[in-house]
Amino acid sequence: MPPLPYATSDRGVDLVAVERVLKGTLHHSSLEPEWRVYAARHSDEPAKSVAQALGVAEKTVIRWRAEAGDAPA
């Protein structure tokens, strides 16, 4: 079940921080490791741009998405 549109957290993940990192207004080191995985799995952006924002390799984002059952982008 996706979070409600106005929610600021989802199962302990700070959605505001995740959004700010993906937009480039907050450094990726502000995210907990499991929040990075959440960001990669829930972002609609291409794996390359998500990886760059999260400070991980593109292959890592593709793997996280595959583990969640999402198609690699």
PDB file of N, CA and C in Angstrom:
ATOM      1  N   MET A   1       0.839  -1.173   0.000  1.00  0.00           N
ATOM      2  CA  MET A   1       0.000   0.000   0.000  1.00  0.00           C
ATOM      3  C   MET A   1       0.890   1.244   0.000  1.00  0.00           C
ATOM      4  N   PRO A   2       0.749   2.113  -0.990  1.00  0.00           N
ATOM      5  CA  PRO A   2       1.583   3.324  -1.044  1.00  0.00           C
ATOM      6  C   PRO A   2       1.167   4.307   0.049  1.00  0.00           C
ATOM      7  N   PRO A   3       2.101   5.169   0.448  1.00  0.00           N
ATOM      8  CA  PRO A   3       1.749   6.147   1.480  1.00  0.00           C
ATOM      9  C   PRO A   3       0.711   7.142   0.958  1.00  0.00           C
ATOM     10  N   LEU A   4      -0.013   7.727   1.864  1.00  0.00           N
ATOM     11  CA  LEU A   4      -0.989   8.744   1.496  1.00  0.00           C
ATOM     12  C   LEU A   4      -0.261   9.946   0.898  1.00  0.00           C
ATOM     13  N   PRO A   5      -0.908  10.681  -0.001  1.00  0.00           N
ATOM     14  CA  PRO A   5      -0.232  11.794  -0.688  1.00  0.00           C
ATOM     15  C   PRO A   5       0.331  12.860   0.250  1.00  0.00           C
ATOM     16  N   TYR A   6      -0.244  13.023   1.411  1.00  0.00           N
ATOM     17  CA  TYR A   6       0.199  14.059   2.348  1.00  0.00           C
ATOM     18  C   TYR A   6       1.070  13.508   3.470  1.00  0.00           C
ATOM     19  N   ALA A   7       1.399  12.233   3.422  1.00  0.00           N
ATOM     20  CA  ALA A   7       2.193  11.604   4.471  1.00  0.00           C
ATOM     21  C   ALA A   7       3.632  12.118   4.446  1.00  0.00           C
ATOM     22  N   THR A   8       4.231  12.207   5.620  1.00  0.00           N
ATOM     23  CA  THR A   8       5.636  12.616   5.713  1.00  0.00           C
ATOM     24  C   THR A   8       6.542  11.450   6.058  1.00  0.00           C
ATOM     25  N   SER A   9       5.930  10.280   6.333  1.00  0.00           N
ATOM     26  CA  SER A   9       6.731   9.084   6.587  1.00  0.00           C
ATOM     27  C   SER A   9       5.973   7.859   6.113  1.00  0.00           C
ATOM     28  N   ASP A  10       6.708   6.808   5.856  1.00  0.00           N
ATOM     29  CA  ASP A  10       6.132   5.535   5.435  1.00  0.00           C
ATOM     30  C   ASP A  10       6.950   4.431   6.073  1.00  0.00           C
ATOM     31  N   ARG A  11       6.351   3.727   7.017  1.00  0.00           N
ATOM     32  CA  ARG A  11       7.026   2.635   7.728  1.00  0.00           C
ATOM     33  C   ARG A  11       8.397   3.055   8.262  1.00  0.00           C
ATOM     34  N   GLY A  12       8.465   4.229   8.855  1.00  0.00           N
ATOM     35  CA  GLY A  12       9.708   4.703   9.463  1.00  0.00           C
ATOM     36  C   GLY A  12      10.642   5.439   8.523  1.00  0.00           C
ATOM     37  N   VAL A  13      10.309   5.536   7.254  1.00  0.00           N
ATOM     38  CA  VAL A  13      11.144   6.239   6.276  1.00  0.00           C
ATOM     39  C   VAL A  13      10.684   7.697   6.203  1.00  0.00           C
ATOM     40  N   ASP A  14      11.622   8.614   6.344  1.00  0.00           N
ATOM     41  CA  ASP A  14      11.329  10.046   6.256  1.00  0.00           C
ATOM     42  C   ASP A  14      11.179  10.414   4.777  1.00  0.00           C
ATOM     43  N   LEU A  15       9.931  10.534   4.325  1.00  0.00           N
ATOM     44  CA  LEU A  15       9.665  10.801   2.916  1.00  0.00           C
ATOM     45  C   LEU A  15      10.117  12.195   2.486  1.00  0.00           C
ATOM     46  N   VAL A  16      10.116  13.131   3.396  1.00  0.00           N
ATOM     47  CA  VAL A  16      10.576  14.486   3.077  1.00  0.00           C
ATOM     48  C   VAL A  16      12.078  14.460   2.776  1.00  0.00           C
ATOM     49  N   ALA A  17      12.841  13.771   3.604  1.00  0.00           N
ATOM     50  CA  ALA A  17      14.288  13.665   3.381  1.00  0.00           C
ATOM     51  C   ALA A  17      14.573  12.933   2.070  1.00  0.00           C
ATOM     52  N   VAL A  18      13.849  11.848   1.820  1.00  0.00           N
ATOM     53  CA  VAL A  18      14.045  11.089   0.579  1.00  0.00           C
ATOM     54  C   VAL A  18      13.772  11.985  -0.626  1.00  0.00           C
ATOM     55  N   GLU A  19      12.669  12.720  -0.597  1.00  0.00           N
ATOM     56  CA  GLU A  19      12.330  13.600  -1.710  1.00  0.00           C
ATOM     57  C   GLU A  19      13.393  14.679  -1.912  1.00  0.00           C
ATOM     58  N   ARG A  20      13.876  15.251  -0.819  1.00  0.00           N
ATOM     59  CA  ARG A  20      14.893  16.301  -0.928  1.00  0.00           C
ATOM     60  C   ARG A  20      16.199  15.762  -1.504  1.00  0.00           C
ATOM     61  N   VAL A  21      16.588  14.552  -1.121  1.00  0.00           N
ATOM     62  CA  VAL A  21      17.808  13.954  -1.676  1.00  0.00           C
ATOM     63  C   VAL A  21      17.623  13.708  -3.171  1.00  0.00           C
ATOM     64  N   LEU A  22      16.485  13.160  -3.559  1.00  0.00           N
ATOM     65  CA  LEU A  22      16.257  12.875  -4.978  1.00  0.00           C
ATOM     66  C   LEU A  22      16.190  14.147  -5.812  1.00  0.00           C
ATOM     67  N   LYS A  23      15.758  15.256  -5.211  1.00  0.00           N
ATOM     68  CA  LYS A  23      15.718  16.536  -5.920  1.00  0.00           C
ATOM     69  C   LYS A  23      17.065  17.254  -5.892  1.00  0.00           C
ATOM     70  N   GLY A  24      17.987  16.774  -5.062  1.00  0.00           N
ATOM     71  CA  GLY A  24      19.311  17.370  -5.001  1.00  0.00           C
ATOM     72  C   GLY A  24      19.449  18.517  -4.016  1.00  0.00           C
ATOM     73  N   THR A  25      18.476  18.694  -3.122  1.00  0.00           N
ATOM     74  CA  THR A  25      18.556  19.788  -2.153  1.00  0.00           C
ATOM     75  C   THR A  25      19.053  19.326  -0.785  1.00  0.00           C
ATOM     76  N   LEU A  26      19.345  18.042  -0.643  1.00  0.00           N
ATOM     77  CA  LEU A  26      19.872  17.477   0.593  1.00  0.00           C
ATOM     78  C   LEU A  26      20.881  16.403   0.212  1.00  0.00           C
ATOM     79  N   HIS A  27      22.004  16.364   0.907  1.00  0.00           N
ATOM     80  CA  HIS A  27      23.052  15.389   0.603  1.00  0.00           C
ATOM     81  C   HIS A  27      22.599  13.977   0.969  1.00  0.00           C
ATOM     82  N   HIS A  28      22.979  13.017   0.162  1.00  0.00           N
ATOM     83  CA  HIS A  28      22.554  11.625   0.355  1.00  0.00           C
ATOM     84  C   HIS A  28      23.013  11.030   1.676  1.00  0.00           C
ATOM     85  N   SER A  29      24.049  11.582   2.277  1.00  0.00           N
ATOM     86  CA  SER A  29      24.526  11.046   3.549  1.00  0.00           C
ATOM     87  C   SER A  29      23.516  11.280   4.674  1.00  0.00           C
ATOM     88  N   SER A  30      22.511  12.101   4.424  1.00  0.00           N
ATOM     89  CA  SER A  30      21.460  12.352   5.416  1.00  0.00           C
ATOM     90  C   SER A  30      20.491  11.177   5.535  1.00  0.00           C
ATOM     91  N   LEU A  31      20.517  10.280   4.555  1.00  0.00           N
ATOM     92  CA  LEU A  31      19.580   9.152   4.546  1.00  0.00           C
ATOM     93  C   LEU A  31      20.174   7.934   5.236  1.00  0.00           C
ATOM     94  N   GLU A  32      19.327   7.241   5.960  1.00  0.00           N
ATOM     95  CA  GLU A  32      19.690   5.942   6.521  1.00  0.00           C
ATOM     96  C   GLU A  32      19.835   4.968   5.349  1.00  0.00           C
ATOM     97  N   PRO A  33      20.647   3.922   5.487  1.00  0.00           N
ATOM     98  CA  PRO A  33      20.818   2.968   4.375  1.00  0.00           C
ATOM     99  C   PRO A  33      19.499   2.393   3.844  1.00  0.00           C
ATOM    100  N   GLU A  34      18.577   2.038   4.741  1.00  0.00           N
ATOM    101  CA  GLU A  34      17.309   1.472   4.278  1.00  0.00           C
ATOM    102  C   GLU A  34      16.437   2.515   3.591  1.00  0.00           C
ATOM    103  N   TRP A  35      16.646   3.793   3.892  1.00  0.00           N
ATOM    104  CA  TRP A  35      15.908   4.871   3.223  1.00  0.00           C
ATOM    105  C   TRP A  35      16.387   5.025   1.781  1.00  0.00           C
ATOM    106  N   ARG A  36      17.678   4.768   1.546  1.00  0.00           N
ATOM    107  CA  ARG A  36      18.205   4.826   0.173  1.00  0.00           C
ATOM    108  C   ARG A  36      17.561   3.739  -0.682  1.00  0.00           C
ATOM    109  N   VAL A  37      17.425   2.560  -0.115  1.00  0.00           N
ATOM    110  CA  VAL A  37      16.783   1.460  -0.834  1.00  0.00           C
ATOM    111  C   VAL A  37      15.329   1.831  -1.140  1.00  0.00           C
ATOM    112  N   TYR A  38      14.647   2.381  -0.163  1.00  0.00           N
ATOM    113  CA  TYR A  38      13.256   2.817  -0.359  1.00  0.00           C
ATOM    114  C   TYR A  38      13.193   3.838  -1.493  1.00  0.00           C
ATOM    115  N   ALA A  39      14.090   4.813  -1.468  1.00  0.00           N
ATOM    116  CA  ALA A  39      14.110   5.860  -2.501  1.00  0.00           C
ATOM    117  C   ALA A  39      14.303   5.255  -3.884  1.00  0.00           C
ATOM    118  N   ALA A  40      15.238   4.326  -3.996  1.00  0.00           N
ATOM    119  CA  ALA A  40      15.503   3.697  -5.291  1.00  0.00           C
ATOM    120  C   ALA A  40      14.298   2.913  -5.792  1.00  0.00           C
ATOM    121  N   ARG A  41      13.654   2.206  -4.886  1.00  0.00           N
ATOM    122  CA  ARG A  41      12.523   1.364  -5.273  1.00  0.00           C
ATOM    123  C   ARG A  41      11.273   2.165  -5.613  1.00  0.00           C
ATOM    124  N   HIS A  42      11.106   3.335  -5.021  1.00  0.00           N
ATOM    125  CA  HIS A  42       9.867   4.093  -5.198  1.00  0.00           C
ATOM    126  C   HIS A  42       9.988   5.273  -6.154  1.00  0.00           C
ATOM    127  N   SER A  43      11.179   5.559  -6.619  1.00  0.00           N
ATOM    128  CA  SER A  43      11.353   6.674  -7.545  1.00  0.00           C
ATOM    129  C   SER A  43      11.019   6.246  -8.973  1.00  0.00           C
ATOM    130  N   ASP A  44      10.390   7.148  -9.706  1.00  0.00           N
ATOM    131  CA  ASP A  44      10.074   6.887 -11.112  1.00  0.00           C
ATOM    132  C   ASP A  44      11.180   7.364 -12.049  1.00  0.00           C
ATOM    133  N   GLU A  45      12.206   7.961 -11.489  1.00  0.00           N
ATOM    134  CA  GLU A  45      13.317   8.474 -12.286  1.00  0.00           C
ATOM    135  C   GLU A  45      14.184   7.313 -12.786  1.00  0.00           C
ATOM    136  N   PRO A  46      14.939   7.550 -13.853  1.00  0.00           N
ATOM    137  CA  PRO A  46      15.845   6.499 -14.361  1.00  0.00           C
ATOM    138  C   PRO A  46      16.888   6.105 -13.311  1.00  0.00           C
ATOM    139  N   ALA A  47      17.316   4.862 -13.360  1.00  0.00           N
ATOM    140  CA  ALA A  47      18.271   4.329 -12.391  1.00  0.00           C
ATOM    141  C   ALA A  47      19.540   5.170 -12.314  1.00  0.00           C
ATOM    142  N   LYS A  48      20.003   5.673 -13.446  1.00  0.00           N
ATOM    143  CA  LYS A  48      21.242   6.448 -13.462  1.00  0.00           C
ATOM    144  C   LYS A  48      21.117   7.722 -12.624  1.00  0.00           C
ATOM    145  N   SER A  49      20.020   8.450 -12.774  1.00  0.00           N
ATOM    146  CA  SER A  49      19.868   9.698 -12.021  1.00  0.00           C
ATOM    147  C   SER A  49      19.594   9.422 -10.543  1.00  0.00           C
ATOM    148  N   VAL A  50      18.869   8.362 -10.239  1.00  0.00           N
ATOM    149  CA  VAL A  50      18.622   7.995  -8.847  1.00  0.00           C
ATOM    150  C   VAL A  50      19.935   7.587  -8.180  1.00  0.00           C
ATOM    151  N   ALA A  51      20.726   6.805  -8.873  1.00  0.00           N
ATOM    152  CA  ALA A  51      22.020   6.377  -8.333  1.00  0.00           C
ATOM    153  C   ALA A  51      22.909   7.572  -8.037  1.00  0.00           C
ATOM    154  N   GLN A  52      22.939   8.519  -8.930  1.00  0.00           N
ATOM    155  CA  GLN A  52      23.748   9.718  -8.738  1.00  0.00           C
ATOM    156  C   GLN A  52      23.281  10.484  -7.503  1.00  0.00           C
ATOM    157  N   ALA A  53      21.979  10.640  -7.336  1.00  0.00           N
ATOM    158  CA  ALA A  53      21.434  11.367  -6.187  1.00  0.00           C
ATOM    159  C   ALA A  53      21.700  10.637  -4.876  1.00  0.00           C
ATOM    160  N   LEU A  54      21.669   9.302  -4.916  1.00  0.00           N
ATOM    161  CA  LEU A  54      21.844   8.505  -3.707  1.00  0.00           C
ATOM    162  C   LEU A  54      23.297   8.175  -3.395  1.00  0.00           C
ATOM    163  N   GLY A  55      24.199   8.475  -4.310  1.00  0.00           N
ATOM    164  CA  GLY A  55      25.613   8.200  -4.076  1.00  0.00           C
ATOM    165  C   GLY A  55      25.965   6.730  -4.161  1.00  0.00           C
ATOM    166  N   VAL A  56      25.256   6.011  -5.027  1.00  0.00           N
ATOM    167  CA  VAL A  56      25.530   4.589  -5.232  1.00  0.00           C
ATOM    168  C   VAL A  56      25.700   4.335  -6.725  1.00  0.00           C
ATOM    169  N   ALA A  57      26.119   3.131  -7.062  1.00  0.00           N
ATOM    170  CA  ALA A  57      26.274   2.765  -8.469  1.00  0.00           C
ATOM    171  C   ALA A  57      24.916   2.487  -9.104  1.00  0.00           C
ATOM    172  N   GLU A  58      24.830   2.731 -10.397  1.00  0.00           N
ATOM    173  CA  GLU A  58      23.593   2.465 -11.137  1.00  0.00           C
ATOM    174  C   GLU A  58      23.178   0.997 -10.991  1.00  0.00           C
ATOM    175  N   LYS A  59      24.158   0.089 -11.003  1.00  0.00           N
ATOM    176  CA  LYS A  59      23.869  -1.342 -10.844  1.00  0.00           C
ATOM    177  C   LYS A  59      23.189  -1.631  -9.512  1.00  0.00           C
ATOM    178  N   THR A  60      23.543  -0.867  -8.491  1.00  0.00           N
ATOM    179  CA  THR A  60      22.942  -1.049  -7.171  1.00  0.00           C
ATOM    180  C   THR A  60      21.460  -0.699  -7.209  1.00  0.00           C
ATOM    181  N   VAL A  61      21.119   0.408  -7.844  1.00  0.00           N
ATOM    182  CA  VAL A  61      19.717   0.816  -7.964  1.00  0.00           C
ATOM    183  C   VAL A  61      18.942  -0.233  -8.762  1.00  0.00           C
ATOM    184  N   ILE A  62      19.527  -0.713  -9.841  1.00  0.00           N
ATOM    185  CA  ILE A  62      18.876  -1.737 -10.656  1.00  0.00           C
ATOM    186  C   ILE A  62      18.644  -3.004  -9.824  1.00  0.00           C
ATOM    187  N   ARG A  63      19.626  -3.392  -9.023  1.00  0.00           N
ATOM    188  CA  ARG A  63      19.496  -4.583  -8.168  1.00  0.00           C
ATOM    189  C   ARG A  63      18.399  -4.389  -7.124  1.00  0.00           C
ATOM    190  N   TRP A  64      18.389  -3.233  -6.451  1.00  0.00           N
ATOM    191  CA  TRP A  64      17.365  -2.956  -5.451  1.00  0.00           C
ATOM    192  C   TRP A  64      15.972  -3.023  -6.072  1.00  0.00           C
ATOM    193  N   ARG A  65      15.841  -2.469  -7.265  1.00  0.00           N
ATOM    194  CA  ARG A  65      14.537  -2.481  -7.938  1.00  0.00           C
ATOM    195  C   ARG A  65      14.142  -3.890  -8.342  1.00  0.00           C
ATOM    196  N   ALA A  66      15.107  -4.665  -8.817  1.00  0.00           N
ATOM    197  CA  ALA A  66      14.830  -6.053  -9.206  1.00  0.00           C
ATOM    198  C   ALA A  66      14.413  -6.877  -8.002  1.00  0.00           C
ATOM    199  N   GLU A  67      15.067  -6.657  -6.864  1.00  0.00           N
ATOM    200  CA  GLU A  67      14.727  -7.387  -5.636  1.00  0.00           C
ATOM    201  C   GLU A  67      13.304  -7.056  -5.188  1.00  0.00           C
ATOM    202  N   ALA A  68      12.836  -5.851  -5.519  1.00  0.00           N
ATOM    203  CA  ALA A  68      11.485  -5.437  -5.152  1.00  0.00           C
ATOM    204  C   ALA A  68      10.465  -5.874  -6.193  1.00  0.00           C
ATOM    205  N   GLY A  69      10.945  -6.446  -7.300  1.00  0.00           N
ATOM    206  CA  GLY A  69      10.049  -6.877  -8.362  1.00  0.00           C
ATOM    207  C   GLY A  69       9.763  -5.779  -9.384  1.00  0.00           C
ATOM    208  N   ASP A  70      10.499  -4.668  -9.315  1.00  0.00           N
ATOM    209  CA  ASP A  70      10.324  -3.572 -10.266  1.00  0.00           C
ATOM    210  C   ASP A  70      11.239  -3.783 -11.457  1.00  0.00           C
ATOM    211  N   ALA A  71      10.789  -3.333 -12.599  1.00  0.00           N
ATOM    212  CA  ALA A  71      11.619  -3.440 -13.803  1.00  0.00           C
ATOM    213  C   ALA A  71      12.748  -2.428 -13.729  1.00  0.00           C
ATOM    214  N   PRO A  72      13.968  -2.810 -14.134  1.00  0.00           N
ATOM    215  CA  PRO A  72      15.066  -1.831 -14.140  1.00  0.00           C
ATOM    216  C   PRO A  72      14.806  -0.720 -15.134  1.00  0.00           C
ATOM    217  N   ALA A  73      15.250   0.480 -14.775  1.00  0.00           N
ATOM    218  CA  ALA A  73      15.041   1.636 -15.660  1.00  0.00           C
ATOM    219  C   ALA A  73      16.356   2.104 -16.224  1.00  0.00           C
TER     220      ALA A  73
END
